[in-house]
Amino acid sequence: MAEHNSLSQSEWRVMEALWDRAPQTIKQLTDVLNPDTGWSKHTIISFLNRMETKGAVCYTAQGRARAYRPAYPREEATLAESERFLSRVFRGNLGLMVSSMVEGKALQDEEIDELLEILRRAKEEAGHD
């Protein structure tokens, strides 16, 4: 997996819009993001410029407009961000993270069932029946 620079919360919003539908022009992104965020075209341009520098987005020219798209898939970015979070907050210890969520009563019954199913599948795929 390629190394990705960390994205701000606002940049993640832009990436989500691009992952949902790409390519998009600045006008299209503004139309999508403005109702929920209040961001102007100039704000979105600033985000896109930073994200381009980080290697998160790229564009192709469509006449006078630029059509932006993510430089990598959502799954790849999510995994990279999850690993950064786990490393930064829990020193890379997944067990410590889950334990902290259990102790803080942050998990609902459905989430516990989902985690158990994910772990069961991981064990099967690893051949540890």
Protein backbone atom coordinates (compact mmCIF):
# COMPACT_ATOMS: atom_id res chain seq x y z
CA MET A 1 0.00 0.00 0.00
CA ALA A 2 1.27 3.45 -0.87
CA GLU A 3 2.10 5.87 1.94
CA HIS A 4 -0.58 8.53 2.25
CA ASN A 5 -0.37 11.84 4.04
CA SER A 6 -2.96 12.32 6.72
CA LEU A 7 -6.06 14.23 5.66
CA SER A 8 -7.91 16.76 7.79
CA GLN A 9 -11.55 16.17 8.64
CA SER A 10 -12.57 18.70 5.98
CA GLU A 11 -10.36 17.05 3.38
CA TRP A 12 -12.02 13.72 4.19
CA ARG A 13 -15.39 15.36 3.37
CA VAL A 14 -14.06 16.37 -0.05
CA MET A 15 -12.60 12.89 -0.61
CA GLU A 16 -15.92 11.27 0.34
CA ALA A 17 -17.69 13.40 -2.28
CA LEU A 18 -15.10 12.37 -4.87
CA TRP A 19 -15.24 8.69 -3.93
CA ASP A 20 -19.02 8.81 -4.20
CA ARG A 21 -18.85 10.29 -7.70
CA ALA A 22 -15.76 11.17 -9.69
CA PRO A 23 -14.60 13.03 -11.58
CA GLN A 24 -16.12 16.30 -10.39
CA THR A 25 -15.39 19.90 -11.23
CA ILE A 26 -15.03 22.58 -8.56
CA LYS A 27 -18.55 23.77 -9.37
CA GLN A 28 -19.94 20.25 -8.95
CA LEU A 29 -18.08 19.78 -5.66
CA THR A 30 -19.35 23.14 -4.42
CA ASP A 31 -22.92 22.17 -5.33
CA VAL A 32 -22.54 18.89 -3.41
CA LEU A 33 -20.68 20.19 -0.34
CA ASN A 34 -22.07 23.70 0.17
CA PRO A 35 -25.54 22.76 1.49
CA ASP A 36 -24.06 20.82 4.45
CA THR A 37 -20.85 22.76 5.02
CA GLY A 38 -21.46 26.29 3.78
CA TRP A 39 -18.11 26.12 1.96
CA SER A 40 -17.60 28.52 -0.92
CA LYS A 41 -15.90 27.68 -4.20
CA HIS A 42 -12.74 29.36 -2.91
CA THR A 43 -12.68 27.20 0.23
CA ILE A 44 -13.01 24.05 -1.84
CA ILE A 45 -10.25 25.24 -4.19
CA SER A 46 -7.97 25.70 -1.14
CA PHE A 47 -8.74 22.17 0.07
CA LEU A 48 -8.14 20.72 -3.40
CA ASN A 49 -4.80 22.53 -3.73
CA ARG A 50 -3.62 21.13 -0.37
CA MET A 51 -4.92 17.69 -1.24
CA GLU A 52 -3.16 17.76 -4.60
CA THR A 53 0.10 18.62 -2.83
CA LYS A 54 -0.49 15.67 -0.49
CA GLY A 55 -1.08 13.39 -3.47
CA ALA A 56 -4.68 12.67 -2.47
CA VAL A 57 -6.35 14.05 -5.61
CA CYS A 58 -5.46 14.57 -9.22
CA TYR A 59 -7.28 16.22 -12.09
CA THR A 60 -7.67 16.30 -15.82
CA ALA A 61 -8.43 19.43 -17.78
CA GLN A 62 -11.92 19.64 -19.26
CA GLY A 63 -11.77 22.81 -21.27
CA ARG A 64 -11.28 25.62 -18.76
CA ALA A 65 -12.42 23.45 -15.84
CA ARG A 66 -10.52 20.82 -13.89
CA ALA A 67 -12.16 17.46 -13.24
CA TYR A 68 -10.90 16.13 -9.89
CA ARG A 69 -10.76 12.51 -8.81
CA PRO A 70 -9.23 10.62 -5.87
CA ALA A 71 -5.66 9.49 -6.42
CA TYR A 72 -6.32 6.26 -4.53
CA PRO A 73 -9.31 4.10 -3.51
CA ARG A 74 -11.36 4.72 -0.36
CA GLU A 75 -10.36 1.35 1.13
CA GLU A 76 -6.65 2.15 0.82
CA ALA A 77 -7.08 5.56 2.48
CA THR A 78 -9.25 4.13 5.24
CA LEU A 79 -6.71 1.44 6.06
CA ALA A 80 -3.83 3.94 6.10
CA GLU A 81 -5.76 6.35 8.35
CA SER A 82 -6.83 3.51 10.67
CA GLU A 83 -3.23 2.38 11.04
CA ARG A 84 -2.10 5.97 11.80
CA PHE A 85 -4.84 6.35 14.42
CA LEU A 86 -4.07 3.00 16.03
CA SER A 87 -0.37 3.81 16.15
CA ARG A 88 -0.84 7.34 17.47
CA VAL A 89 -3.53 6.71 20.08
CA PHE A 90 -2.99 3.09 21.11
CA ARG A 91 0.71 2.55 20.30
CA GLY A 92 -0.33 0.13 17.56
CA ASN A 93 -2.12 -2.17 20.00
CA LEU A 94 -5.51 -3.20 18.56
CA GLY A 95 -6.37 -5.16 21.72
CA LEU A 96 -5.87 -2.02 23.81
CA MET A 97 -8.22 -0.10 21.53
CA VAL A 98 -10.99 -2.72 21.73
CA SER A 99 -10.49 -3.09 25.48
CA SER A 100 -10.81 0.66 25.94
CA MET A 101 -14.04 0.68 23.92
CA VAL A 102 -15.46 -2.21 25.95
CA GLU A 103 -14.52 -0.58 29.27
CA GLY A 104 -16.02 2.70 28.10
CA LYS A 105 -19.20 0.89 27.07
CA ALA A 106 -18.80 2.37 23.59
CA LEU A 107 -19.89 -0.82 21.80
CA GLN A 108 -23.52 -1.74 21.16
CA ASP A 109 -24.61 -5.41 21.01
CA GLU A 110 -24.85 -5.27 17.19
CA GLU A 111 -21.31 -3.90 16.96
CA ILE A 112 -19.98 -6.66 19.23
CA ASP A 113 -21.71 -9.27 17.04
CA GLU A 114 -20.24 -7.63 13.94
CA LEU A 115 -16.73 -7.66 15.47
CA LEU A 116 -17.08 -11.32 16.43
CA GLU A 117 -18.13 -12.18 12.86
CA ILE A 118 -15.20 -10.22 11.41
CA LEU A 119 -12.78 -12.02 13.74
CA ARG A 120 -14.32 -15.41 12.91
CA ARG A 121 -13.86 -14.76 9.16
CA ALA A 122 -10.29 -13.52 9.71
CA LYS A 123 -9.47 -16.68 11.64
CA GLU A 124 -10.93 -18.87 8.88
CA GLU A 125 -9.06 -16.99 6.15
CA ALA A 126 -5.81 -17.34 8.07
CA GLY A 127 -6.42 -21.11 8.36
CA HIS A 128 -6.70 -21.08 12.16
CA ASP A 129 -9.94 -23.06 12.46
